[in-house]
Amino acid sequence: MSKKRADTLFERRRQRVRYRLRQAAKGRVRLSVFRSSRHIYAQIIDDSAGHTLAAASSLDGKGKGGSDKEAAIAVGKLIAERAKAAGVERVVFDRGGFLYHGRVAALADAAREAGLEF
């Protein structure tokens, strides 16, 4: 499979997920996850206002950096803490074009355990 074709499939998957989130959002903010080969990032985004309410990544000084599940768990706990500080308790989970598996699932589970509802 060529690189162009793979990028197209990822974009199509991402757009499909985003469309379904818009249907189910009902005024809630979005927890968006981005996974690179070296780090993992999470943002709480208010799409109606166009603002990022909270953000966390494995680049933050707290906890372990990197791209493994432990780093994803640390980022999940950190984003939940920052979301609560911003007054957010309920979100919709936007996995982007990434499969709900491995680091993405670990981040989501850690955010749920830390008190974020989705």
PDB file of N, CA and C in Angstrom:
ATOM      1  N   MET A   1       0.846  -1.174   0.000  1.00  0.00           N
ATOM      2  CA  MET A   1       0.000   0.000   0.000  1.00  0.00           C
ATOM      3  C   MET A   1       0.892   1.238   0.000  1.00  0.00           C
ATOM      4  N   SER A   2       0.602   2.155  -0.876  1.00  0.00           N
ATOM      5  CA  SER A   2       1.417   3.352  -0.972  1.00  0.00           C
ATOM      6  C   SER A   2       1.126   4.289   0.196  1.00  0.00           C
ATOM      7  N   LYS A   3       2.068   5.199   0.451  1.00  0.00           N
ATOM      8  CA  LYS A   3       1.902   6.142   1.552  1.00  0.00           C
ATOM      9  C   LYS A   3       0.694   7.034   1.319  1.00  0.00           C
ATOM     10  N   LYS A   4       0.472   7.465   0.089  1.00  0.00           N
ATOM     11  CA  LYS A   4      -0.667   8.326  -0.204  1.00  0.00           C
ATOM     12  C   LYS A   4      -1.981   7.620   0.134  1.00  0.00           C
ATOM     13  N   ARG A   5      -2.090   6.374  -0.203  1.00  0.00           N
ATOM     14  CA  ARG A   5      -3.303   5.610   0.079  1.00  0.00           C
ATOM     15  C   ARG A   5      -3.503   5.447   1.583  1.00  0.00           C
ATOM     16  N   ALA A   6      -2.430   5.183   2.328  1.00  0.00           N
ATOM     17  CA  ALA A   6      -2.524   5.015   3.775  1.00  0.00           C
ATOM     18  C   ALA A   6      -2.969   6.316   4.432  1.00  0.00           C
ATOM     19  N   ASP A   7      -2.436   7.463   3.985  1.00  0.00           N
ATOM     20  CA  ASP A   7      -2.854   8.744   4.542  1.00  0.00           C
ATOM     21  C   ASP A   7      -4.323   9.002   4.265  1.00  0.00           C
ATOM     22  N   THR A   8      -4.774   8.623   3.106  1.00  0.00           N
ATOM     23  CA  THR A   8      -6.165   8.821   2.750  1.00  0.00           C
ATOM     24  C   THR A   8      -7.071   7.981   3.649  1.00  0.00           C
ATOM     25  N   LEU A   9      -6.706   6.748   3.910  1.00  0.00           N
ATOM     26  CA  LEU A   9      -7.513   5.897   4.779  1.00  0.00           C
ATOM     27  C   LEU A   9      -7.569   6.451   6.195  1.00  0.00           C
ATOM     28  N   PHE A  10      -6.447   6.955   6.696  1.00  0.00           N
ATOM     29  CA  PHE A  10      -6.417   7.552   8.034  1.00  0.00           C
ATOM     30  C   PHE A  10      -7.341   8.758   8.094  1.00  0.00           C
ATOM     31  N   GLU A  11      -7.269   9.616   7.079  1.00  0.00           N
ATOM     32  CA  GLU A  11      -8.107  10.810   7.052  1.00  0.00           C
ATOM     33  C   GLU A  11      -9.588  10.443   6.985  1.00  0.00           C
ATOM     34  N   ARG A  12      -9.914   9.446   6.197  1.00  0.00           N
ATOM     35  CA  ARG A  12     -11.306   9.010   6.096  1.00  0.00           C
ATOM     36  C   ARG A  12     -11.799   8.473   7.436  1.00  0.00           C
ATOM     37  N   ARG A  13     -10.967   7.709   8.125  1.00  0.00           N
ATOM     38  CA  ARG A  13     -11.336   7.166   9.432  1.00  0.00           C
ATOM     39  C   ARG A  13     -11.515   8.303  10.439  1.00  0.00           C
ATOM     40  N   ARG A  14     -10.624   9.294  10.384  1.00  0.00           N
ATOM     41  CA  ARG A  14     -10.710  10.435  11.299  1.00  0.00           C
ATOM     42  C   ARG A  14     -11.984  11.241  11.061  1.00  0.00           C
ATOM     43  N   GLN A  15     -12.318  11.475   9.798  1.00  0.00           N
ATOM     44  CA  GLN A  15     -13.537  12.222   9.490  1.00  0.00           C
ATOM     45  C   GLN A  15     -14.782  11.459   9.911  1.00  0.00           C
ATOM     46  N   ARG A  16     -14.770  10.146   9.755  1.00  0.00           N
ATOM     47  CA  ARG A  16     -15.910   9.325  10.157  1.00  0.00           C
ATOM     48  C   ARG A  16     -16.122   9.394  11.677  1.00  0.00           C
ATOM     49  N   VAL A  17     -15.030   9.322  12.431  1.00  0.00           N
ATOM     50  CA  VAL A  17     -15.116   9.409  13.890  1.00  0.00           C
ATOM     51  C   VAL A  17     -15.617  10.788  14.308  1.00  0.00           C
ATOM     52  N   ARG A  18     -15.091  11.838  13.687  1.00  0.00           N
ATOM     53  CA  ARG A  18     -15.485  13.207  14.035  1.00  0.00           C
ATOM     54  C   ARG A  18     -16.963  13.449  13.729  1.00  0.00           C
ATOM     55  N   TYR A  19     -17.464  12.900  12.621  1.00  0.00           N
ATOM     56  CA  TYR A  19     -18.878  13.041  12.276  1.00  0.00           C
ATOM     57  C   TYR A  19     -19.756  12.391  13.336  1.00  0.00           C
ATOM     58  N   ARG A  20     -19.411  11.197  13.752  1.00  0.00           N
ATOM     59  CA  ARG A  20     -20.207  10.496  14.763  1.00  0.00           C
ATOM     60  C   ARG A  20     -20.151  11.206  16.109  1.00  0.00           C
ATOM     61  N   LEU A  21     -19.022  11.837  16.406  1.00  0.00           N
ATOM     62  CA  LEU A  21     -18.921  12.597  17.653  1.00  0.00           C
ATOM     63  C   LEU A  21     -19.850  13.802  17.641  1.00  0.00           C
ATOM     64  N   ARG A  22     -19.932  14.482  16.503  1.00  0.00           N
ATOM     65  CA  ARG A  22     -20.820  15.631  16.402  1.00  0.00           C
ATOM     66  C   ARG A  22     -22.275  15.219  16.630  1.00  0.00           C
ATOM     67  N   GLN A  23     -22.628  14.027  16.190  1.00  0.00           N
ATOM     68  CA  GLN A  23     -23.990  13.533  16.385  1.00  0.00           C
ATOM     69  C   GLN A  23     -24.267  13.252  17.863  1.00  0.00           C
ATOM     70  N   ALA A  24     -23.278  12.761  18.581  1.00  0.00           N
ATOM     71  CA  ALA A  24     -23.470  12.330  19.966  1.00  0.00           C
ATOM     72  C   ALA A  24     -23.053  13.375  21.001  1.00  0.00           C
ATOM     73  N   ALA A  25     -22.475  14.485  20.582  1.00  0.00           N
ATOM     74  CA  ALA A  25     -21.872  15.432  21.526  1.00  0.00           C
ATOM     75  C   ALA A  25     -22.895  16.070  22.455  1.00  0.00           C
ATOM     76  N   LYS A  26     -24.007  16.563  21.936  1.00  0.00           N
ATOM     77  CA  LYS A  26     -25.064  17.180  22.742  1.00  0.00           C
ATOM     78  C   LYS A  26     -24.516  18.259  23.670  1.00  0.00           C
ATOM     79  N   GLY A  27     -23.694  19.134  23.135  1.00  0.00           N
ATOM     80  CA  GLY A  27     -23.197  20.265  23.900  1.00  0.00           C
ATOM     81  C   GLY A  27     -21.998  19.980  24.786  1.00  0.00           C
ATOM     82  N   ARG A  28     -21.499  18.754  24.770  1.00  0.00           N
ATOM     83  CA  ARG A  28     -20.334  18.446  25.602  1.00  0.00           C
ATOM     84  C   ARG A  28     -19.045  18.826  24.879  1.00  0.00           C
ATOM     85  N   VAL A  29     -18.001  18.998  25.660  1.00  0.00           N
ATOM     86  CA  VAL A  29     -16.689  19.281  25.090  1.00  0.00           C
ATOM     87  C   VAL A  29     -16.036  17.978  24.657  1.00  0.00           C
ATOM     88  N   ARG A  30     -14.952  18.086  23.906  1.00  0.00           N
ATOM     89  CA  ARG A  30     -14.333  16.928  23.278  1.00  0.00           C
ATOM     90  C   ARG A  30     -12.944  16.690  23.861  1.00  0.00           C
ATOM     91  N   LEU A  31     -12.657  15.435  24.194  1.00  0.00           N
ATOM     92  CA  LEU A  31     -11.316  15.021  24.611  1.00  0.00           C
ATOM     93  C   LEU A  31     -10.639  14.435  23.385  1.00  0.00           C
ATOM     94  N   SER A  32      -9.719  15.188  22.807  1.00  0.00           N
ATOM     95  CA  SER A  32      -9.048  14.789  21.578  1.00  0.00           C
ATOM     96  C   SER A  32      -7.678  14.216  21.902  1.00  0.00           C
ATOM     97  N   VAL A  33      -7.341  13.095  21.256  1.00  0.00           N
ATOM     98  CA  VAL A  33      -6.075  12.411  21.501  1.00  0.00           C
ATOM     99  C   VAL A  33      -5.273  12.360  20.213  1.00  0.00           C
ATOM    100  N   PHE A  34      -3.986  12.667  20.312  1.00  0.00           N
ATOM    101  CA  PHE A  34      -3.063  12.515  19.193  1.00  0.00           C
ATOM    102  C   PHE A  34      -1.888  11.667  19.662  1.00  0.00           C
ATOM    103  N   ARG A  35      -1.556  10.681  18.867  1.00  0.00           N
ATOM    104  CA  ARG A  35      -0.480   9.753  19.204  1.00  0.00           C
ATOM    105  C   ARG A  35       0.581   9.836  18.112  1.00  0.00           C
ATOM    106  N   SER A  36       1.796  10.197  18.514  1.00  0.00           N
ATOM    107  CA  SER A  36       2.908  10.161  17.569  1.00  0.00           C
ATOM    108  C   SER A  36       3.805   8.983  17.937  1.00  0.00           C
ATOM    109  N   SER A  37       4.868   8.812  17.213  1.00  0.00           N
ATOM    110  CA  SER A  37       5.756   7.688  17.505  1.00  0.00           C
ATOM    111  C   SER A  37       6.551   7.917  18.787  1.00  0.00           C
ATOM    112  N   ARG A  38       6.682   9.164  19.224  1.00  0.00           N
ATOM    113  CA  ARG A  38       7.482   9.463  20.408  1.00  0.00           C
ATOM    114  C   ARG A  38       6.687   9.936  21.618  1.00  0.00           C
ATOM    115  N   HIS A  39       5.514  10.527  21.392  1.00  0.00           N
ATOM    116  CA  HIS A  39       4.755  11.112  22.494  1.00  0.00           C
ATOM    117  C   HIS A  39       3.265  10.905  22.284  1.00  0.00           C
ATOM    118  N   ILE A  40       2.491  11.249  23.312  1.00  0.00           N
ATOM    119  CA  ILE A  40       1.030  11.215  23.225  1.00  0.00           C
ATOM    120  C   ILE A  40       0.498  12.519  23.817  1.00  0.00           C
ATOM    121  N   TYR A  41      -0.531  13.072  23.176  1.00  0.00           N
ATOM    122  CA  TYR A  41      -1.052  14.374  23.530  1.00  0.00           C
ATOM    123  C   TYR A  41      -2.564  14.266  23.721  1.00  0.00           C
ATOM    124  N   ALA A  42      -3.123  15.066  24.630  1.00  0.00           N
ATOM    125  CA  ALA A  42      -4.568  15.109  24.843  1.00  0.00           C
ATOM    126  C   ALA A  42      -4.986  16.553  25.072  1.00  0.00           C
ATOM    127  N   GLN A  43      -6.156  16.897  24.532  1.00  0.00           N
ATOM    128  CA  GLN A  43      -6.704  18.238  24.700  1.00  0.00           C
ATOM    129  C   GLN A  43      -8.190  18.140  24.995  1.00  0.00           C
ATOM    130  N   ILE A  44      -8.677  19.040  25.838  1.00  0.00           N
ATOM    131  CA  ILE A  44     -10.103  19.219  26.051  1.00  0.00           C
ATOM    132  C   ILE A  44     -10.493  20.449  25.235  1.00  0.00           C
ATOM    133  N   ILE A  45     -11.360  20.266  24.238  1.00  0.00           N
ATOM    134  CA  ILE A  45     -11.675  21.328  23.288  1.00  0.00           C
ATOM    135  C   ILE A  45     -13.158  21.638  23.346  1.00  0.00           C
ATOM    136  N   ASP A  46     -13.485  22.929  23.446  1.00  0.00           N
ATOM    137  CA  ASP A  46     -14.864  23.397  23.345  1.00  0.00           C
ATOM    138  C   ASP A  46     -15.072  23.849  21.902  1.00  0.00           C
ATOM    139  N   ASP A  47     -15.727  23.009  21.108  1.00  0.00           N
ATOM    140  CA  ASP A  47     -15.891  23.305  19.686  1.00  0.00           C
ATOM    141  C   ASP A  47     -16.838  24.474  19.437  1.00  0.00           C
ATOM    142  N   SER A  48     -17.807  24.685  20.304  1.00  0.00           N
ATOM    143  CA  SER A  48     -18.751  25.784  20.085  1.00  0.00           C
ATOM    144  C   SER A  48     -18.054  27.144  20.228  1.00  0.00           C
ATOM    145  N   ALA A  49     -17.111  27.235  21.157  1.00  0.00           N
ATOM    146  CA  ALA A  49     -16.381  28.487  21.352  1.00  0.00           C
ATOM    147  C   ALA A  49     -15.054  28.505  20.599  1.00  0.00           C
ATOM    148  N   GLY A  50     -14.578  27.343  20.200  1.00  0.00           N
ATOM    149  CA  GLY A  50     -13.312  27.272  19.479  1.00  0.00           C
ATOM    150  C   GLY A  50     -12.101  27.450  20.375  1.00  0.00           C
ATOM    151  N   HIS A  51     -12.202  26.992  21.630  1.00  0.00           N
ATOM    152  CA  HIS A  51     -11.112  27.163  22.589  1.00  0.00           C
ATOM    153  C   HIS A  51     -10.657  25.820  23.160  1.00  0.00           C
ATOM    154  N   THR A  52      -9.375  25.748  23.481  1.00  0.00           N
ATOM    155  CA  THR A  52      -8.837  24.607  24.203  1.00  0.00           C
ATOM    156  C   THR A  52      -8.912  24.933  25.690  1.00  0.00           C
ATOM    157  N   LEU A  53      -9.621  24.096  26.436  1.00  0.00           N
ATOM    158  CA  LEU A  53      -9.813  24.347  27.862  1.00  0.00           C
ATOM    159  C   LEU A  53      -8.692  23.765  28.716  1.00  0.00           C
ATOM    160  N   ALA A  54      -8.141  22.630  28.282  1.00  0.00           N
ATOM    161  CA  ALA A  54      -7.058  21.985  29.032  1.00  0.00           C
ATOM    162  C   ALA A  54      -6.247  21.141  28.057  1.00  0.00           C
ATOM    163  N   ALA A  55      -4.979  20.961  28.366  1.00  0.00           N
ATOM    164  CA  ALA A  55      -4.108  20.151  27.517  1.00  0.00           C
ATOM    165  C   ALA A  55      -3.077  19.444  28.387  1.00  0.00           C
ATOM    166  N   ALA A  56      -2.639  18.287  27.929  1.00  0.00           N
ATOM    167  CA  ALA A  56      -1.593  17.533  28.619  1.00  0.00           C
ATOM    168  C   ALA A  56      -0.877  16.682  27.581  1.00  0.00           C
ATOM    169  N   SER A  57       0.379  16.393  27.839  1.00  0.00           N
ATOM    170  CA  SER A  57       1.131  15.540  26.932  1.00  0.00           C
ATOM    171  C   SER A  57       2.240  14.839  27.692  1.00  0.00           C
ATOM    172  N   SER A  58       2.864  13.882  27.032  1.00  0.00           N
ATOM    173  CA  SER A  58       3.980  13.187  27.650  1.00  0.00           C
ATOM    174  C   SER A  58       5.222  14.070  27.678  1.00  0.00           C
ATOM    175  N   LEU A  59       5.155  15.238  27.057  1.00  0.00           N
ATOM    176  CA  LEU A  59       6.254  16.200  27.116  1.00  0.00           C
ATOM    177  C   LEU A  59       6.246  16.996  28.421  1.00  0.00           C
ATOM    178  N   ASP A  60       5.104  17.011  29.121  1.00  0.00           N
ATOM    179  CA  ASP A  60       5.013  17.751  30.388  1.00  0.00           C
ATOM    180  C   ASP A  60       6.012  17.187  31.381  1.00  0.00           C
ATOM    181  N   GLY A  61       6.507  18.032  32.258  1.00  0.00           N
ATOM    182  CA  GLY A  61       7.527  17.633  33.209  1.00  0.00           C
ATOM    183  C   GLY A  61       7.062  16.618  34.237  1.00  0.00           C
ATOM    184  N   LYS A  62       5.757  16.520  34.458  1.00  0.00           N
ATOM    185  CA  LYS A  62       5.249  15.604  35.472  1.00  0.00           C
ATOM    186  C   LYS A  62       5.264  14.189  34.934  1.00  0.00           C
ATOM    187  N   GLY A  63       5.766  13.283  35.703  1.00  0.00           N
ATOM    188  CA  GLY A  63       5.734  11.870  35.336  1.00  0.00           C
ATOM    189  C   GLY A  63       6.754  11.503  34.276  1.00  0.00           C
ATOM    190  N   LYS A  64       6.522  10.359  33.691  1.00  0.00           N
ATOM    191  CA  LYS A  64       7.450   9.788  32.725  1.00  0.00           C
ATOM    192  C   LYS A  64       7.087  10.262  31.322  1.00  0.00           C
ATOM    193  N   GLY A  65       8.057  10.711  30.573  1.00  0.00           N
ATOM    194  CA  GLY A  65       7.828  11.073  29.184  1.00  0.00           C
ATOM    195  C   GLY A  65       7.950   9.842  28.316  1.00  0.00           C
ATOM    196  N   GLY A  66       7.664   9.984  27.057  1.00  0.00           N
ATOM    197  CA  GLY A  66       7.854   8.871  26.147  1.00  0.00           C
ATOM    198  C   GLY A  66       6.587   8.407  25.489  1.00  0.00           C
ATOM    199  N   SER A  67       6.663   7.226  24.901  1.00  0.00           N
ATOM    200  CA  SER A  67       5.561   6.763  24.072  1.00  0.00           C
ATOM    201  C   SER A  67       5.035   5.394  24.473  1.00  0.00           C
ATOM    202  N   ASP A  68       5.164   5.022  25.739  1.00  0.00           N
ATOM    203  CA  ASP A  68       4.654   3.720  26.148  1.00  0.00           C
ATOM    204  C   ASP A  68       3.345   3.880  26.931  1.00  0.00           C
ATOM    205  N   LYS A  69       2.788   2.772  27.356  1.00  0.00           N
ATOM    206  CA  LYS A  69       1.495   2.816  28.045  1.00  0.00           C
ATOM    207  C   LYS A  69       1.563   3.570  29.363  1.00  0.00           C
ATOM    208  N   GLU A  70       2.693   3.481  30.064  1.00  0.00           N
ATOM    209  CA  GLU A  70       2.826   4.200  31.333  1.00  0.00           C
ATOM    210  C   GLU A  70       2.725   5.707  31.110  1.00  0.00           C
ATOM    211  N   ALA A  71       3.327   6.190  30.033  1.00  0.00           N
ATOM    212  CA  ALA A  71       3.241   7.611  29.707  1.00  0.00           C
ATOM    213  C   ALA A  71       1.808   7.987  29.360  1.00  0.00           C
ATOM    214  N   ALA A  72       1.108   7.126  28.640  1.00  0.00           N
ATOM    215  CA  ALA A  72      -0.287   7.390  28.282  1.00  0.00           C
ATOM    216  C   ALA A  72      -1.165   7.429  29.525  1.00  0.00           C
ATOM    217  N   ILE A  73      -0.910   6.559  30.474  1.00  0.00           N
ATOM    218  CA  ILE A  73      -1.670   6.550  31.727  1.00  0.00           C
ATOM    219  C   ILE A  73      -1.431   7.846  32.500  1.00  0.00           C
ATOM    220  N   ALA A  74      -0.178   8.291  32.547  1.00  0.00           N
ATOM    221  CA  ALA A  74       0.145   9.542  33.232  1.00  0.00           C
ATOM    222  C   ALA A  74      -0.549  10.728  32.565  1.00  0.00           C
ATOM    223  N   VAL A  75      -0.583  10.744  31.244  1.00  0.00           N
ATOM    224  CA  VAL A  75      -1.240  11.833  30.517  1.00  0.00           C
ATOM    225  C   VAL A  75      -2.746  11.784  30.755  1.00  0.00           C
ATOM    226  N   GLY A  76      -3.339  10.600  30.801  1.00  0.00           N
ATOM    227  CA  GLY A  76      -4.763  10.465  31.074  1.00  0.00           C
ATOM    228  C   GLY A  76      -5.141  11.011  32.439  1.00  0.00           C
ATOM    229  N   LYS A  77      -4.341  10.703  33.446  1.00  0.00           N
ATOM    230  CA  LYS A  77      -4.602  11.221  34.793  1.00  0.00           C
ATOM    231  C   LYS A  77      -4.430  12.740  34.833  1.00  0.00           C
ATOM    232  N   LEU A  78      -3.394  13.230  34.145  1.00  0.00           N
ATOM    233  CA  LEU A  78      -3.112  14.668  34.145  1.00  0.00           C
ATOM    234  C   LEU A  78      -4.207  15.453  33.428  1.00  0.00           C
ATOM    235  N   ILE A  79      -4.704  14.938  32.297  1.00  0.00           N
ATOM    236  CA  ILE A  79      -5.751  15.667  31.577  1.00  0.00           C
ATOM    237  C   ILE A  79      -7.040  15.671  32.384  1.00  0.00           C
ATOM    238  N   ALA A  80      -7.315  14.611  33.121  1.00  0.00           N
ATOM    239  CA  ALA A  80      -8.519  14.580  33.965  1.00  0.00           C
ATOM    240  C   ALA A  80      -8.417  15.609  35.087  1.00  0.00           C
ATOM    241  N   GLU A  81      -7.244  15.725  35.704  1.00  0.00           N
ATOM    242  CA  GLU A  81      -7.044  16.725  36.751  1.00  0.00           C
ATOM    243  C   GLU A  81      -7.220  18.136  36.209  1.00  0.00           C
ATOM    244  N   ARG A  82      -6.625  18.408  35.044  1.00  0.00           N
ATOM    245  CA  ARG A  82      -6.714  19.741  34.459  1.00  0.00           C
ATOM    246  C   ARG A  82      -8.126  20.044  33.980  1.00  0.00           C
ATOM    247  N   ALA A  83      -8.843  19.036  33.529  1.00  0.00           N
ATOM    248  CA  ALA A  83     -10.229  19.243  33.107  1.00  0.00           C
ATOM    249  C   ALA A  83     -11.102  19.592  34.304  1.00  0.00           C
ATOM    250  N   LYS A  84     -10.910  18.901  35.412  1.00  0.00           N
ATOM    251  CA  LYS A  84     -11.675  19.204  36.619  1.00  0.00           C
ATOM    252  C   LYS A  84     -11.368  20.614  37.113  1.00  0.00           C
ATOM    253  N   ALA A  85     -10.104  21.022  37.008  1.00  0.00           N
ATOM    254  CA  ALA A  85      -9.732  22.378  37.409  1.00  0.00           C
ATOM    255  C   ALA A  85     -10.403  23.417  36.508  1.00  0.00           C
ATOM    256  N   ALA A  86     -10.663  23.058  35.258  1.00  0.00           N
ATOM    257  CA  ALA A  86     -11.328  23.966  34.327  1.00  0.00           C
ATOM    258  C   ALA A  86     -12.849  23.865  34.426  1.00  0.00           C
ATOM    259  N   GLY A  87     -13.350  22.980  35.292  1.00  0.00           N
ATOM    260  CA  GLY A  87     -14.782  22.847  35.491  1.00  0.00           C
ATOM    261  C   GLY A  87     -15.463  21.877  34.538  1.00  0.00           C
ATOM    262  N   VAL A  88     -14.710  20.986  33.935  1.00  0.00           N
ATOM    263  CA  VAL A  88     -15.260  20.018  32.983  1.00  0.00           C
ATOM    264  C   VAL A  88     -15.296  18.646  33.639  1.00  0.00           C
ATOM    265  N   GLU A  89     -16.461  17.991  33.573  1.00  0.00           N
ATOM    266  CA  GLU A  89     -16.566  16.638  34.118  1.00  0.00           C
ATOM    267  C   GLU A  89     -17.021  15.623  33.087  1.00  0.00           C
ATOM    268  N   ARG A  90     -17.771  16.079  32.056  1.00  0.00           N
ATOM    269  CA  ARG A  90     -18.276  15.171  31.017  1.00  0.00           C
ATOM    270  C   ARG A  90     -17.721  15.580  29.660  1.00  0.00           C
ATOM    271  N   VAL A  91     -17.215  14.624  28.920  1.00  0.00           N
ATOM    272  CA  VAL A  91     -16.639  14.872  27.599  1.00  0.00           C
ATOM    273  C   VAL A  91     -17.094  13.782  26.635  1.00  0.00           C
ATOM    274  N   VAL A  92     -16.819  13.990  25.362  1.00  0.00           N
ATOM    275  CA  VAL A  92     -16.903  12.919  24.376  1.00  0.00           C
ATOM    276  C   VAL A  92     -15.479  12.612  23.954  1.00  0.00           C
ATOM    277  N   PHE A  93     -15.183  11.341  23.748  1.00  0.00           N
ATOM    278  CA  PHE A  93     -13.820  10.914  23.467  1.00  0.00           C
ATOM    279  C   PHE A  93     -13.583  10.888  21.963  1.00  0.00           C
ATOM    280  N   ASP A  94     -12.626  11.671  21.505  1.00  0.00           N
ATOM    281  CA  ASP A  94     -12.261  11.749  20.088  1.00  0.00           C
ATOM    282  C   ASP A  94     -10.918  11.059  19.911  1.00  0.00           C
ATOM    283  N   ARG A  95     -10.946   9.843  19.396  1.00  0.00           N
ATOM    284  CA  ARG A  95      -9.716   9.091  19.188  1.00  0.00           C
ATOM    285  C   ARG A  95      -9.050   9.457  17.874  1.00  0.00           C
ATOM    286  N   GLY A  96      -9.671  10.337  17.103  1.00  0.00           N
ATOM    287  CA  GLY A  96      -9.130  10.706  15.807  1.00  0.00           C
ATOM    288  C   GLY A  96      -9.201   9.518  14.872  1.00  0.00           C
ATOM    289  N   GLY A  97      -8.187   9.300  14.103  1.00  0.00           N
ATOM    290  CA  GLY A  97      -8.146   8.149  13.217  1.00  0.00           C
ATOM    291  C   GLY A  97      -7.454   6.957  13.837  1.00  0.00           C
ATOM    292  N   PHE A  98      -7.094   7.056  15.110  1.00  0.00           N
ATOM    293  CA  PHE A  98      -6.356   5.993  15.784  1.00  0.00           C
ATOM    294  C   PHE A  98      -7.310   4.934  16.306  1.00  0.00           C
ATOM    295  N   LEU A  99      -6.885   3.696  16.303  1.00  0.00           N
ATOM    296  CA  LEU A  99      -7.689   2.615  16.838  1.00  0.00           C
ATOM    297  C   LEU A  99      -7.744   2.716  18.360  1.00  0.00           C
ATOM    298  N   TYR A 100      -8.872   2.315  18.936  1.00  0.00           N
ATOM    299  CA  TYR A 100      -9.020   2.324  20.390  1.00  0.00           C
ATOM    300  C   TYR A 100      -8.317   1.080  20.924  1.00  0.00           C
ATOM    301  N   HIS A 101      -7.006   1.198  21.055  1.00  0.00           N
ATOM    302  CA  HIS A 101      -6.184   0.061  21.437  1.00  0.00           C
ATOM    303  C   HIS A 101      -4.855   0.593  21.928  1.00  0.00           C
ATOM    304  N   GLY A 102      -4.213  -0.113  22.831  1.00  0.00           N
ATOM    305  CA  GLY A 102      -2.868   0.255  23.273  1.00  0.00           C
ATOM    306  C   GLY A 102      -2.838   1.554  24.040  1.00  0.00           C
ATOM    307  N   ARG A 103      -2.024   2.496  23.567  1.00  0.00           N
ATOM    308  CA  ARG A 103      -1.821   3.753  24.286  1.00  0.00           C
ATOM    309  C   ARG A 103      -3.072   4.618  24.330  1.00  0.00           C
ATOM    310  N   VAL A 104      -3.857   4.608  23.250  1.00  0.00           N
ATOM    311  CA  VAL A 104      -5.082   5.407  23.219  1.00  0.00           C
ATOM    312  C   VAL A 104      -6.071   4.876  24.258  1.00  0.00           C
ATOM    313  N   ALA A 105      -6.244   3.578  24.322  1.00  0.00           N
ATOM    314  CA  ALA A 105      -7.147   2.976  25.302  1.00  0.00           C
ATOM    315  C   ALA A 105      -6.628   3.181  26.724  1.00  0.00           C
ATOM    316  N   ALA A 106      -5.323   3.108  26.917  1.00  0.00           N
ATOM    317  CA  ALA A 106      -4.743   3.312  28.244  1.00  0.00           C
ATOM    318  C   ALA A 106      -4.992   4.734  28.729  1.00  0.00           C
ATOM    319  N   LEU A 107      -4.851   5.715  27.841  1.00  0.00           N
ATOM    320  CA  LEU A 107      -5.121   7.102  28.194  1.00  0.00           C
ATOM    321  C   LEU A 107      -6.591   7.277  28.572  1.00  0.00           C
ATOM    322  N   ALA A 108      -7.484   6.702  27.790  1.00  0.00           N
ATOM    323  CA  ALA A 108      -8.922   6.824  28.060  1.00  0.00           C
ATOM    324  C   ALA A 108      -9.285   6.179  29.393  1.00  0.00           C
ATOM    325  N   ASP A 109      -8.763   4.988  29.660  1.00  0.00           N
ATOM    326  CA  ASP A 109      -9.071   4.303  30.907  1.00  0.00           C
ATOM    327  C   ASP A 109      -8.550   5.080  32.112  1.00  0.00           C
ATOM    328  N   ALA A 110      -7.358   5.650  31.999  1.00  0.00           N
ATOM    329  CA  ALA A 110      -6.785   6.427  33.104  1.00  0.00           C
ATOM    330  C   ALA A 110      -7.609   7.691  33.347  1.00  0.00           C
ATOM    331  N   ALA A 111      -8.091   8.334  32.283  1.00  0.00           N
ATOM    332  CA  ALA A 111      -8.915   9.536  32.445  1.00  0.00           C
ATOM    333  C   ALA A 111     -10.236   9.187  33.119  1.00  0.00           C
ATOM    334  N   ARG A 112     -10.804   8.046  32.756  1.00  0.00           N
ATOM    335  CA  ARG A 112     -12.049   7.598  33.394  1.00  0.00           C
ATOM    336  C   ARG A 112     -11.823   7.323  34.883  1.00  0.00           C
ATOM    337  N   GLU A 113     -10.733   6.627  35.215  1.00  0.00           N
ATOM    338  CA  GLU A 113     -10.440   6.300  36.602  1.00  0.00           C
ATOM    339  C   GLU A 113     -10.199   7.558  37.435  1.00  0.00           C
ATOM    340  N   ALA A 114      -9.676   8.614  36.783  1.00  0.00           N
ATOM    341  CA  ALA A 114      -9.403   9.853  37.498  1.00  0.00           C
ATOM    342  C   ALA A 114     -10.643  10.729  37.629  1.00  0.00           C
ATOM    343  N   GLY A 115     -11.786  10.267  37.090  1.00  0.00           N
ATOM    344  CA  GLY A 115     -13.039  10.975  37.335  1.00  0.00           C
ATOM    345  C   GLY A 115     -13.680  11.653  36.148  1.00  0.00           C
ATOM    346  N   LEU A 116     -13.110  11.543  34.974  1.00  0.00           N
ATOM    347  CA  LEU A 116     -13.705  12.141  33.780  1.00  0.00           C
ATOM    348  C   LEU A 116     -14.758  11.187  33.230  1.00  0.00           C
ATOM    349  N   GLU A 117     -15.933  11.692  32.887  1.00  0.00           N
ATOM    350  CA  GLU A 117     -17.020  10.839  32.399  1.00  0.00           C
ATOM    351  C   GLU A 117     -17.135  10.919  30.885  1.00  0.00           C
ATOM    352  N   PHE A 118     -17.116   9.747  30.231  1.00  0.00           N
ATOM    353  CA  PHE A 118     -17.415   9.642  28.801  1.00  0.00           C
ATOM    354  C   PHE A 118     -17.721   8.215  28.446  1.00  0.00           C
TER     355      PHE A 118
END
